[in-house]
Amino acid sequence: MRTIHVRVEGVVQGVAFREYTRREAVARGLRGWVRNLADGAVEALIQGPEQEVAKMLSWLQKGSPRSRVDQVLHRDIDGAEPCQSFEIRF
């Protein structure tokens, strides 16, 4: 099980990025959350099998159909408490 914290920068608010991220994560069997940040970026916590987390990171580089991803920053989190589902946070 791998847990990562992600920050996605670019045109990622107002383009359904969080909903597309939630759908992609659920389809991959991942858990965690995604939310908008005040500075226009989106952040997420993603938990799941190493291979699926890596695929999700790859998906985040492209983003939702109307988004424009400029940068994806991520770091591994050790000892994170397990999430039960994948949700959009406000």
N, C-alpha and C. Protein backbone atom coordinates (compact mmCIF):
# COMPACT_ATOMS: atom_id res chain seq x y z
N MET A 1 0.85 -1.18 0.00
CA MET A 1 0.00 0.00 0.00
C MET A 1 0.89 1.24 0.00
N ARG A 2 0.58 2.17 -0.88
CA ARG A 2 1.33 3.42 -0.99
C ARG A 2 0.37 4.58 -0.76
N THR A 3 0.83 5.61 -0.06
CA THR A 3 0.06 6.83 0.14
C THR A 3 0.90 8.00 -0.34
N ILE A 4 0.29 8.84 -1.18
CA ILE A 4 0.99 10.03 -1.66
C ILE A 4 0.12 11.26 -1.47
N HIS A 5 0.79 12.39 -1.29
CA HIS A 5 0.14 13.69 -1.29
C HIS A 5 0.52 14.35 -2.61
N VAL A 6 -0.47 14.90 -3.31
CA VAL A 6 -0.25 15.45 -4.65
C VAL A 6 -0.74 16.89 -4.70
N ARG A 7 0.00 17.72 -5.43
CA ARG A 7 -0.41 19.09 -5.74
C ARG A 7 -0.38 19.22 -7.25
N VAL A 8 -1.51 19.62 -7.84
CA VAL A 8 -1.62 19.76 -9.29
C VAL A 8 -1.83 21.24 -9.60
N GLU A 9 -0.96 21.79 -10.45
CA GLU A 9 -1.04 23.20 -10.81
C GLU A 9 -1.37 23.35 -12.29
N GLY A 10 -2.02 24.45 -12.62
CA GLY A 10 -2.43 24.74 -13.99
C GLY A 10 -3.87 25.24 -13.99
N VAL A 11 -4.58 24.96 -15.05
CA VAL A 11 -6.01 25.29 -15.11
C VAL A 11 -6.74 24.03 -14.64
N VAL A 12 -6.94 23.94 -13.33
CA VAL A 12 -7.51 22.73 -12.73
C VAL A 12 -8.72 23.01 -11.84
N GLN A 13 -9.18 24.25 -11.83
CA GLN A 13 -10.41 24.58 -11.11
C GLN A 13 -11.41 25.12 -12.12
N GLY A 14 -12.68 24.78 -11.91
CA GLY A 14 -13.74 25.21 -12.81
C GLY A 14 -13.82 24.37 -14.08
N VAL A 15 -13.14 23.22 -14.08
CA VAL A 15 -13.13 22.35 -15.26
C VAL A 15 -13.45 20.90 -14.88
N ALA A 16 -14.12 20.71 -13.75
CA ALA A 16 -14.54 19.39 -13.25
C ALA A 16 -13.35 18.48 -12.93
N PHE A 17 -12.21 19.06 -12.62
CA PHE A 17 -11.01 18.27 -12.35
C PHE A 17 -11.20 17.35 -11.14
N ARG A 18 -11.81 17.87 -10.08
CA ARG A 18 -12.01 17.03 -8.88
C ARG A 18 -12.91 15.85 -9.16
N GLU A 19 -14.00 16.06 -9.88
CA GLU A 19 -14.92 14.95 -10.18
C GLU A 19 -14.26 13.91 -11.07
N TYR A 20 -13.55 14.36 -12.09
CA TYR A 20 -12.84 13.40 -12.95
C TYR A 20 -11.78 12.64 -12.16
N THR A 21 -11.11 13.33 -11.25
CA THR A 21 -10.11 12.68 -10.41
C THR A 21 -10.77 11.63 -9.53
N ARG A 22 -11.90 11.97 -8.92
CA ARG A 22 -12.62 11.01 -8.07
C ARG A 22 -13.01 9.78 -8.88
N ARG A 23 -13.59 10.00 -10.05
CA ARG A 23 -14.02 8.86 -10.90
C ARG A 23 -12.85 7.96 -11.26
N GLU A 24 -11.74 8.56 -11.65
CA GLU A 24 -10.55 7.79 -12.04
C GLU A 24 -10.02 6.99 -10.85
N ALA A 25 -9.97 7.63 -9.69
CA ALA A 25 -9.47 6.95 -8.49
C ALA A 25 -10.38 5.77 -8.11
N VAL A 26 -11.68 5.98 -8.13
CA VAL A 26 -12.63 4.92 -7.79
C VAL A 26 -12.50 3.77 -8.78
N ALA A 27 -12.37 4.07 -10.06
CA ALA A 27 -12.23 3.03 -11.08
C ALA A 27 -10.96 2.20 -10.85
N ARG A 28 -9.95 2.80 -10.26
CA ARG A 28 -8.69 2.11 -10.00
C ARG A 28 -8.66 1.46 -8.61
N GLY A 29 -9.75 1.59 -7.85
CA GLY A 29 -9.80 1.00 -6.52
C GLY A 29 -8.97 1.75 -5.49
N LEU A 30 -8.74 3.05 -5.73
CA LEU A 30 -7.94 3.86 -4.82
C LEU A 30 -8.83 4.56 -3.80
N ARG A 31 -8.21 4.98 -2.71
CA ARG A 31 -8.91 5.70 -1.65
C ARG A 31 -8.19 7.02 -1.40
N GLY A 32 -8.90 7.96 -0.74
CA GLY A 32 -8.30 9.24 -0.40
C GLY A 32 -9.26 10.38 -0.62
N TRP A 33 -8.75 11.52 -1.06
CA TRP A 33 -9.59 12.71 -1.26
C TRP A 33 -8.91 13.66 -2.23
N VAL A 34 -9.71 14.61 -2.71
CA VAL A 34 -9.21 15.67 -3.59
C VAL A 34 -9.95 16.96 -3.24
N ARG A 35 -9.25 18.10 -3.31
CA ARG A 35 -9.90 19.38 -3.01
C ARG A 35 -9.18 20.52 -3.72
N ASN A 36 -9.93 21.62 -3.91
CA ASN A 36 -9.36 22.84 -4.46
C ASN A 36 -8.59 23.59 -3.38
N LEU A 37 -7.56 24.32 -3.80
CA LEU A 37 -6.82 25.19 -2.90
C LEU A 37 -7.09 26.64 -3.27
N ALA A 38 -6.93 27.53 -2.33
CA ALA A 38 -7.21 28.95 -2.55
C ALA A 38 -6.33 29.57 -3.64
N ASP A 39 -5.15 29.01 -3.88
CA ASP A 39 -4.24 29.58 -4.88
C ASP A 39 -4.50 29.08 -6.30
N GLY A 40 -5.58 28.31 -6.50
CA GLY A 40 -5.94 27.82 -7.84
C GLY A 40 -5.46 26.42 -8.15
N ALA A 41 -4.65 25.84 -7.28
CA ALA A 41 -4.18 24.47 -7.46
C ALA A 41 -5.21 23.49 -6.87
N VAL A 42 -4.96 22.22 -7.10
CA VAL A 42 -5.76 21.15 -6.52
C VAL A 42 -4.80 20.25 -5.75
N GLU A 43 -5.23 19.76 -4.60
CA GLU A 43 -4.41 18.81 -3.86
C GLU A 43 -5.20 17.54 -3.62
N ALA A 44 -4.48 16.44 -3.46
CA ALA A 44 -5.13 15.15 -3.24
C ALA A 44 -4.25 14.28 -2.36
N LEU A 45 -4.90 13.37 -1.66
CA LEU A 45 -4.24 12.30 -0.94
C LEU A 45 -4.72 11.02 -1.61
N ILE A 46 -3.80 10.19 -2.05
CA ILE A 46 -4.16 8.99 -2.81
C ILE A 46 -3.51 7.79 -2.14
N GLN A 47 -4.33 6.75 -1.90
CA GLN A 47 -3.85 5.53 -1.25
C GLN A 47 -4.26 4.33 -2.08
N GLY A 48 -3.35 3.36 -2.16
CA GLY A 48 -3.68 2.12 -2.84
C GLY A 48 -2.44 1.35 -3.24
N PRO A 49 -2.65 0.31 -4.04
CA PRO A 49 -1.51 -0.49 -4.50
C PRO A 49 -0.54 0.37 -5.32
N GLU A 50 0.74 0.10 -5.16
CA GLU A 50 1.81 0.85 -5.82
C GLU A 50 1.54 1.07 -7.31
N GLN A 51 1.20 0.02 -8.02
CA GLN A 51 1.01 0.12 -9.47
C GLN A 51 -0.17 1.04 -9.83
N GLU A 52 -1.26 0.96 -9.08
CA GLU A 52 -2.43 1.80 -9.37
C GLU A 52 -2.16 3.27 -9.00
N VAL A 53 -1.42 3.49 -7.93
CA VAL A 53 -1.05 4.87 -7.56
C VAL A 53 -0.17 5.46 -8.66
N ALA A 54 0.76 4.68 -9.19
CA ALA A 54 1.62 5.16 -10.28
C ALA A 54 0.79 5.50 -11.52
N LYS A 55 -0.20 4.68 -11.83
CA LYS A 55 -1.07 4.95 -12.98
C LYS A 55 -1.90 6.21 -12.75
N MET A 56 -2.32 6.43 -11.50
CA MET A 56 -3.09 7.62 -11.18
C MET A 56 -2.22 8.87 -11.33
N LEU A 57 -0.98 8.79 -10.92
CA LEU A 57 -0.06 9.91 -11.11
C LEU A 57 0.10 10.24 -12.59
N SER A 58 0.18 9.21 -13.39
CA SER A 58 0.29 9.41 -14.84
C SER A 58 -0.97 10.09 -15.38
N TRP A 59 -2.13 9.65 -14.91
CA TRP A 59 -3.40 10.26 -15.33
C TRP A 59 -3.44 11.74 -14.92
N LEU A 60 -2.98 12.04 -13.72
CA LEU A 60 -3.00 13.42 -13.22
C LEU A 60 -2.14 14.35 -14.09
N GLN A 61 -1.12 13.82 -14.74
CA GLN A 61 -0.30 14.64 -15.64
C GLN A 61 -1.12 15.16 -16.82
N LYS A 62 -2.14 14.41 -17.22
CA LYS A 62 -3.01 14.80 -18.34
C LYS A 62 -4.24 15.55 -17.83
N GLY A 63 -4.85 15.01 -16.76
CA GLY A 63 -6.02 15.66 -16.16
C GLY A 63 -7.32 15.44 -16.90
N SER A 64 -8.31 16.22 -16.53
CA SER A 64 -9.65 16.12 -17.12
C SER A 64 -9.66 16.76 -18.51
N PRO A 65 -10.70 16.48 -19.29
CA PRO A 65 -10.73 16.97 -20.68
C PRO A 65 -10.53 18.48 -20.85
N ARG A 66 -11.07 19.30 -19.95
CA ARG A 66 -10.97 20.75 -20.12
C ARG A 66 -9.85 21.38 -19.30
N SER A 67 -9.11 20.56 -18.57
CA SER A 67 -8.03 21.10 -17.74
C SER A 67 -6.74 21.28 -18.55
N ARG A 68 -5.81 22.03 -17.95
CA ARG A 68 -4.46 22.14 -18.48
C ARG A 68 -3.53 21.97 -17.29
N VAL A 69 -2.85 20.86 -17.24
CA VAL A 69 -1.95 20.58 -16.13
C VAL A 69 -0.56 21.09 -16.47
N ASP A 70 -0.04 21.99 -15.64
CA ASP A 70 1.30 22.52 -15.83
C ASP A 70 2.34 21.76 -15.01
N GLN A 71 1.95 21.33 -13.83
CA GLN A 71 2.91 20.67 -12.93
C GLN A 71 2.17 19.79 -11.94
N VAL A 72 2.75 18.62 -11.67
CA VAL A 72 2.25 17.72 -10.63
C VAL A 72 3.40 17.45 -9.67
N LEU A 73 3.21 17.85 -8.44
CA LEU A 73 4.21 17.60 -7.39
C LEU A 73 3.63 16.55 -6.45
N HIS A 74 4.45 15.59 -6.07
CA HIS A 74 3.94 14.58 -5.13
C HIS A 74 5.05 14.14 -4.18
N ARG A 75 4.61 13.64 -3.05
CA ARG A 75 5.54 13.09 -2.07
C ARG A 75 4.86 11.92 -1.38
N ASP A 76 5.66 10.94 -1.02
CA ASP A 76 5.13 9.78 -0.30
C ASP A 76 4.89 10.15 1.15
N ILE A 77 3.86 9.56 1.71
CA ILE A 77 3.51 9.77 3.12
C ILE A 77 3.59 8.40 3.81
N ASP A 78 4.45 8.29 4.79
CA ASP A 78 4.57 7.05 5.55
C ASP A 78 3.66 7.11 6.77
N GLY A 79 3.03 5.98 7.07
CA GLY A 79 2.23 5.88 8.28
C GLY A 79 0.91 6.63 8.24
N ALA A 80 0.40 6.93 7.05
CA ALA A 80 -0.88 7.64 6.94
C ALA A 80 -2.02 6.73 7.38
N GLU A 81 -2.99 7.32 8.02
CA GLU A 81 -4.18 6.58 8.42
C GLU A 81 -4.97 6.19 7.17
N PRO A 82 -5.44 4.95 7.09
CA PRO A 82 -6.16 4.51 5.88
C PRO A 82 -7.49 5.25 5.69
N CYS A 83 -7.76 5.63 4.46
CA CYS A 83 -9.04 6.23 4.09
C CYS A 83 -10.00 5.10 3.72
N GLN A 84 -11.29 5.34 3.85
CA GLN A 84 -12.28 4.30 3.58
C GLN A 84 -12.85 4.38 2.16
N SER A 85 -12.72 5.53 1.52
CA SER A 85 -13.29 5.74 0.18
C SER A 85 -12.49 6.85 -0.49
N PHE A 86 -12.95 7.29 -1.65
CA PHE A 86 -12.33 8.45 -2.30
C PHE A 86 -13.39 9.52 -2.41
N GLU A 87 -13.11 10.69 -1.82
CA GLU A 87 -14.13 11.74 -1.76
C GLU A 87 -13.61 13.08 -2.24
N ILE A 88 -14.53 13.92 -2.62
CA ILE A 88 -14.22 15.32 -2.93
C ILE A 88 -14.42 16.10 -1.63
N ARG A 89 -13.42 16.85 -1.25
CA ARG A 89 -13.52 17.69 -0.05
C ARG A 89 -13.70 19.13 -0.46
N PHE A 90 -14.40 19.86 0.39
CA PHE A 90 -14.67 21.27 0.13
C PHE A 90 -14.07 22.14 1.20
